[in-house]
N, C-alpha and C. Protein backbone atom coordinates (compact mmCIF):
# COMPACT_ATOMS: atom_id res chain seq x y z
N MET A 1 -35.28 23.40 40.48
CA MET A 1 -34.46 23.89 40.87
C MET A 1 -35.14 25.21 39.49
N ASP A 2 -35.90 24.65 38.91
CA ASP A 2 -36.38 26.22 38.24
C ASP A 2 -37.31 26.86 39.09
N VAL A 3 -37.97 26.38 39.98
CA VAL A 3 -38.98 26.49 41.15
C VAL A 3 -38.35 27.33 41.62
N GLU A 4 -37.36 26.84 42.20
CA GLU A 4 -36.28 27.72 43.34
C GLU A 4 -35.65 29.17 43.02
N ILE A 5 -35.59 29.02 41.69
CA ILE A 5 -34.83 30.83 40.88
C ILE A 5 -36.42 31.26 40.77
N LYS A 6 -37.58 30.71 40.42
CA LYS A 6 -38.47 31.60 40.20
C LYS A 6 -38.79 32.26 41.56
N ARG A 7 -39.00 31.13 42.66
CA ARG A 7 -38.83 31.89 43.98
C ARG A 7 -38.08 33.36 43.66
N ILE A 8 -36.67 32.88 43.95
CA ILE A 8 -35.75 34.24 44.44
C ILE A 8 -36.30 35.36 43.48
N GLN A 9 -36.42 35.08 41.89
CA GLN A 9 -36.57 36.07 41.10
C GLN A 9 -37.98 36.96 42.18
N ASP A 10 -38.87 36.44 42.21
CA ASP A 10 -40.06 37.10 43.20
C ASP A 10 -40.26 37.38 44.37
N GLY A 11 -38.94 37.28 44.92
CA GLY A 11 -38.38 37.92 46.07
C GLY A 11 -39.26 36.68 47.14
N GLU A 12 -39.91 35.62 46.85
CA GLU A 12 -40.04 35.03 47.84
C GLU A 12 -39.23 34.23 48.85
N GLU A 13 -38.13 34.25 48.53
CA GLU A 13 -37.16 32.89 49.07
C GLU A 13 -35.99 34.09 49.97
N PRO A 14 -35.88 34.36 51.36
CA PRO A 14 -35.26 35.01 51.99
C PRO A 14 -33.71 34.70 51.42
N LEU A 15 -33.50 36.10 51.47
CA LEU A 15 -31.86 36.20 51.16
C LEU A 15 -30.71 35.71 52.37
N LEU A 16 -29.69 35.27 51.80
CA LEU A 16 -28.81 34.59 52.90
C LEU A 16 -28.43 35.89 53.80
N ASP A 17 -28.13 36.04 55.18
CA ASP A 17 -27.38 36.83 56.15
C ASP A 17 -26.20 36.93 55.24
N GLU A 18 -25.45 38.14 56.29
CA GLU A 18 -23.88 38.60 55.90
C GLU A 18 -22.79 37.15 56.43
N THR A 19 -23.55 37.08 57.29
CA THR A 19 -22.57 35.43 57.95
C THR A 19 -22.64 34.59 56.77
N ALA A 20 -23.59 34.22 56.74
CA ALA A 20 -24.24 32.77 55.89
C ALA A 20 -23.62 33.03 54.34
N LEU A 21 -24.07 34.15 53.65
CA LEU A 21 -23.34 34.86 53.15
C LEU A 21 -21.73 34.62 52.51
N LYS A 22 -21.01 35.16 53.49
CA LYS A 22 -19.46 34.84 53.60
C LYS A 22 -19.19 33.50 53.61
N ASP A 23 -20.02 32.55 54.54
CA ASP A 23 -19.54 30.95 54.79
C ASP A 23 -19.90 30.21 53.09
N ARG A 24 -21.21 30.84 52.26
CA ARG A 24 -20.90 30.42 51.22
C ARG A 24 -20.05 30.49 50.13
N PHE A 25 -19.61 31.90 50.23
CA PHE A 25 -18.42 32.51 49.38
C PHE A 25 -16.87 31.38 49.84
N GLN A 26 -16.83 31.63 51.31
CA GLN A 26 -16.01 30.43 51.50
C GLN A 26 -15.91 29.36 50.68
N GLN A 27 -17.11 28.56 51.11
CA GLN A 27 -17.22 27.20 50.24
C GLN A 27 -16.96 27.16 48.51
N LEU A 28 -17.32 28.45 47.96
CA LEU A 28 -17.09 28.45 46.54
C LEU A 28 -15.76 28.39 46.34
N ALA A 29 -14.92 29.21 46.78
CA ALA A 29 -13.46 29.56 47.43
C ALA A 29 -12.58 28.27 47.18
N THR A 30 -12.94 27.79 47.73
CA THR A 30 -12.20 26.54 48.26
C THR A 30 -12.74 25.58 47.16
N THR A 31 -13.56 25.01 46.96
CA THR A 31 -14.41 24.14 45.91
C THR A 31 -13.28 24.27 44.70
N ALA A 32 -13.50 25.93 44.29
CA ALA A 32 -12.75 26.36 42.86
C ALA A 32 -11.35 25.99 43.18
N ARG A 33 -10.42 26.16 44.32
CA ARG A 33 -9.29 26.47 44.13
C ARG A 33 -8.91 24.66 44.40
N GLU A 34 -9.96 23.77 44.56
CA GLU A 34 -9.78 21.85 45.05
C GLU A 34 -9.99 21.69 43.64
N LEU A 35 -10.67 22.09 42.59
CA LEU A 35 -11.22 22.18 41.14
C LEU A 35 -9.92 21.86 40.14
N LEU A 36 -9.12 23.78 40.53
CA LEU A 36 -8.09 23.42 40.06
C LEU A 36 -7.21 22.66 40.23
N SER A 37 -7.13 22.33 41.50
CA SER A 37 -5.90 21.40 41.24
C SER A 37 -6.21 19.79 40.88
N ASP A 38 -7.51 19.81 40.90
CA ASP A 38 -7.80 18.58 40.53
C ASP A 38 -7.60 18.21 38.54
N PHE A 39 -7.71 19.55 37.77
CA PHE A 39 -7.15 20.14 36.73
C PHE A 39 -6.26 19.63 36.68
N ARG A 40 -5.10 20.44 37.52
CA ARG A 40 -3.47 20.12 36.91
C ARG A 40 -2.99 19.08 37.05
N GLU A 41 -3.82 18.35 38.07
CA GLU A 41 -3.46 16.39 38.35
C GLU A 41 -3.59 15.94 36.98
N VAL A 42 -4.90 16.17 36.66
CA VAL A 42 -5.60 15.41 35.32
C VAL A 42 -4.11 15.47 34.15
N GLU A 43 -4.22 16.84 33.77
CA GLU A 43 -3.34 17.60 32.78
C GLU A 43 -0.95 16.91 32.85
N GLU A 44 -1.24 16.63 34.11
CA GLU A 44 -0.10 15.98 34.29
C GLU A 44 -0.12 14.57 34.06
N ASN A 45 -1.18 13.96 35.18
CA ASN A 45 -1.74 12.61 34.07
C ASN A 45 -1.11 12.38 32.50
N PHE A 46 -1.81 13.12 31.97
CA PHE A 46 -1.70 13.35 30.37
C PHE A 46 -0.47 13.21 29.93
N ARG A 47 0.40 14.28 30.40
CA ARG A 47 2.03 14.78 30.30
C ARG A 47 2.39 13.68 30.71
N LEU A 48 2.75 12.70 31.33
CA LEU A 48 3.72 11.62 31.97
C LEU A 48 3.23 10.46 31.20
N PRO A 49 2.50 10.25 30.62
CA PRO A 49 2.79 9.47 29.33
C PRO A 49 3.24 9.29 28.12
N ASP A 50 2.65 10.88 27.93
CA ASP A 50 3.55 11.56 26.66
C ASP A 50 5.10 11.42 26.92
N ARG A 51 5.27 12.09 27.78
CA ARG A 51 6.82 12.28 28.37
C ARG A 51 7.40 10.86 27.99
N THR A 52 7.14 9.49 28.87
CA THR A 52 8.05 8.63 28.62
C THR A 52 7.24 8.28 26.81
N THR A 53 6.59 7.96 26.61
CA THR A 53 6.42 7.62 24.80
C THR A 53 8.00 8.55 24.44
N ARG A 54 7.71 9.81 24.70
CA ARG A 54 8.76 10.76 24.00
C ARG A 54 10.51 9.92 23.93
N ASP A 55 10.24 9.77 25.38
CA ASP A 55 11.67 9.21 25.83
C ASP A 55 11.71 8.47 25.23
N GLN A 56 10.98 7.11 24.90
CA GLN A 56 11.36 5.99 24.52
C GLN A 56 11.81 5.73 23.18
N GLY A 57 10.69 6.66 22.38
CA GLY A 57 11.32 6.84 20.96
C GLY A 57 12.37 7.33 20.44
N ARG A 58 13.21 8.33 21.26
CA ARG A 58 14.54 8.73 21.51
C ARG A 58 15.71 7.64 21.48
N ILE A 59 15.25 6.92 22.59
CA ILE A 59 16.45 5.81 22.61
C ILE A 59 16.55 4.75 21.59
N PHE A 60 15.51 4.74 20.74
CA PHE A 60 15.77 3.23 19.87
C PHE A 60 16.20 3.95 18.39
C-alpha cells in the first residue's frame, strides 16, 4: 500500500476519470450509510439487555 501511495504522490499512477470518480464516491457513500446503520443496530443490541435488566429490577 505504501508503494501505491508513493506512486500516486510521484504522479506515476493515472488518476480516475470523472465517471470512475463518481462511481467510487457513490460506493463510499453507500458504505458509510451501511456502516452507520450497523452501528445503530449494535447500539440497539446493547440497549435492549440494559432495558430488560432495568425493567426486571423494578419488578422485584
